[in-house]
Amino acid sequence: MNIIYAAEKPSIASLLSEYVQRPVSAEEIRVIENPNETGSFFVGFDLERYVVSPSGRVYADTLRLARSEPAGC
């Protein structure tokens, strides 16, 4: 684990606790750097995935599936 993530996990857990309105410990989350935005992280908690922005904003990361249509439609 990168030292940056270890230092950030308690802070991220605190922000996520406020967002989900229940206690979340640093040990319960998985943190991955968001390659699309410097200072942003993807956070896995339970079966959900969240994003923490550089400003500390937390929001749910919604999965968008591309719907494929059969050929000729």
C-alpha atoms as a PDB file:
ATOM      1  CA  MET A   1       0.000   0.000   0.000  1.00  0.00           C
ATOM      2  CA  ASN A   2       1.255   3.419  -0.889  1.00  0.00           C
ATOM      3  CA  ILE A   3       2.021   5.616   2.134  1.00  0.00           C
ATOM      4  CA  ILE A   4      -0.247   8.347   0.745  1.00  0.00           C
ATOM      5  CA  TYR A   5      -3.233   6.023   0.868  1.00  0.00           C
ATOM      6  CA  ALA A   6      -2.395   4.909   4.416  1.00  0.00           C
ATOM      7  CA  ALA A   7      -2.287   8.536   5.560  1.00  0.00           C
ATOM      8  CA  GLU A   8      -5.493   9.427   3.722  1.00  0.00           C
ATOM      9  CA  LYS A   9      -7.620   6.403   4.668  1.00  0.00           C
ATOM     10  CA  PRO A  10      -8.755   7.696   8.092  1.00  0.00           C
ATOM     11  CA  SER A  11      -9.726  11.043   6.545  1.00  0.00           C
ATOM     12  CA  ILE A  12     -11.525   9.366   3.663  1.00  0.00           C
ATOM     13  CA  ALA A  13     -13.330   7.030   6.087  1.00  0.00           C
ATOM     14  CA  SER A  14     -14.478  10.073   8.080  1.00  0.00           C
ATOM     15  CA  LEU A  15     -15.831  11.798   4.952  1.00  0.00           C
ATOM     16  CA  LEU A  16     -17.558   8.599   3.851  1.00  0.00           C
ATOM     17  CA  SER A  17     -19.099   8.188   7.328  1.00  0.00           C
ATOM     18  CA  GLU A  18     -20.758  11.571   6.931  1.00  0.00           C
ATOM     19  CA  TYR A  19     -21.980  10.703   3.427  1.00  0.00           C
ATOM     20  CA  VAL A  20     -23.486   7.286   4.308  1.00  0.00           C
ATOM     21  CA  GLN A  21     -24.591   8.522   7.753  1.00  0.00           C
ATOM     22  CA  ARG A  22     -23.057   5.639   9.699  1.00  0.00           C
ATOM     23  CA  PRO A  23     -19.639   4.875  11.173  1.00  0.00           C
ATOM     24  CA  VAL A  24     -17.001   3.710   8.673  1.00  0.00           C
ATOM     25  CA  SER A  25     -13.504   2.705   9.753  1.00  0.00           C
ATOM     26  CA  ALA A  26     -10.371   2.950   7.627  1.00  0.00           C
ATOM     27  CA  GLU A  27     -10.073  -0.846   7.714  1.00  0.00           C
ATOM     28  CA  GLU A  28     -13.473  -1.226   6.010  1.00  0.00           C
ATOM     29  CA  ILE A  29     -12.630   0.725   2.855  1.00  0.00           C
ATOM     30  CA  ARG A  30     -10.510   0.099  -0.216  1.00  0.00           C
ATOM     31  CA  VAL A  31      -8.890   3.199  -1.691  1.00  0.00           C
ATOM     32  CA  ILE A  32      -7.635   3.457  -5.266  1.00  0.00           C
ATOM     33  CA  GLU A  33      -6.254   6.581  -6.918  1.00  0.00           C
ATOM     34  CA  ASN A  34      -8.540   8.022  -9.589  1.00  0.00           C
ATOM     35  CA  PRO A  35      -6.356   8.308 -12.703  1.00  0.00           C
ATOM     36  CA  ASN A  36      -8.799  10.771 -14.279  1.00  0.00           C
ATOM     37  CA  GLU A  37      -8.400  13.469 -11.612  1.00  0.00           C
ATOM     38  CA  THR A  38      -5.349  14.353  -9.530  1.00  0.00           C
ATOM     39  CA  GLY A  39      -6.079  14.147  -5.810  1.00  0.00           C
ATOM     40  CA  SER A  40      -9.264  12.146  -6.336  1.00  0.00           C
ATOM     41  CA  PHE A  41      -9.853   8.603  -5.084  1.00  0.00           C
ATOM     42  CA  PHE A  42     -12.201   5.724  -5.789  1.00  0.00           C
ATOM     43  CA  VAL A  43     -13.404   4.217  -2.516  1.00  0.00           C
ATOM     44  CA  GLY A  44     -14.897   0.770  -2.187  1.00  0.00           C
ATOM     45  CA  PHE A  45     -17.137   0.183   0.820  1.00  0.00           C
ATOM     46  CA  ASP A  46     -19.413  -2.835   1.215  1.00  0.00           C
ATOM     47  CA  LEU A  47     -20.705  -3.480  -2.297  1.00  0.00           C
ATOM     48  CA  GLU A  48     -20.751   0.192  -3.267  1.00  0.00           C
ATOM     49  CA  ARG A  49     -18.152   2.417  -4.883  1.00  0.00           C
ATOM     50  CA  TYR A  50     -17.712   6.102  -4.151  1.00  0.00           C
ATOM     51  CA  VAL A  51     -15.517   8.933  -5.389  1.00  0.00           C
ATOM     52  CA  VAL A  52     -13.798  11.470  -3.149  1.00  0.00           C
ATOM     53  CA  SER A  53     -12.880  14.635  -5.028  1.00  0.00           C
ATOM     54  CA  PRO A  54      -9.819  16.765  -4.249  1.00  0.00           C
ATOM     55  CA  SER A  55     -12.138  19.214  -2.463  1.00  0.00           C
ATOM     56  CA  GLY A  56     -13.387  16.449  -0.141  1.00  0.00           C
ATOM     57  CA  ARG A  57     -16.764  16.000  -1.815  1.00  0.00           C
ATOM     58  CA  VAL A  58     -18.054  12.405  -1.695  1.00  0.00           C
ATOM     59  CA  TYR A  59     -20.486  10.993  -4.231  1.00  0.00           C
ATOM     60  CA  ALA A  60     -21.642   7.591  -5.416  1.00  0.00           C
ATOM     61  CA  ASP A  61     -19.822   6.273  -8.471  1.00  0.00           C
ATOM     62  CA  THR A  62     -22.581   5.033 -10.741  1.00  0.00           C
ATOM     63  CA  LEU A  63     -21.824   2.251 -13.154  1.00  0.00           C
ATOM     64  CA  ARG A  64     -23.039   3.016 -16.655  1.00  0.00           C
ATOM     65  CA  LEU A  65     -23.367   0.036 -18.927  1.00  0.00           C
ATOM     66  CA  ALA A  66     -23.438   0.505 -22.660  1.00  0.00           C
ATOM     67  CA  ARG A  67     -26.501  -1.168 -24.084  1.00  0.00           C
ATOM     68  CA  SER A  68     -25.687  -3.050 -27.232  1.00  0.00           C
ATOM     69  CA  GLU A  69     -28.358  -3.472 -29.863  1.00  0.00           C
ATOM     70  CA  PRO A  70     -28.470  -6.520 -32.123  1.00  0.00           C
ATOM     71  CA  ALA A  71     -27.190  -5.920 -35.665  1.00  0.00           C
ATOM     72  CA  GLY A  72     -29.873  -4.704 -38.043  1.00  0.00           C
ATOM     73  CA  CYS A  73     -32.034  -2.903 -35.446  1.00  0.00           C
END
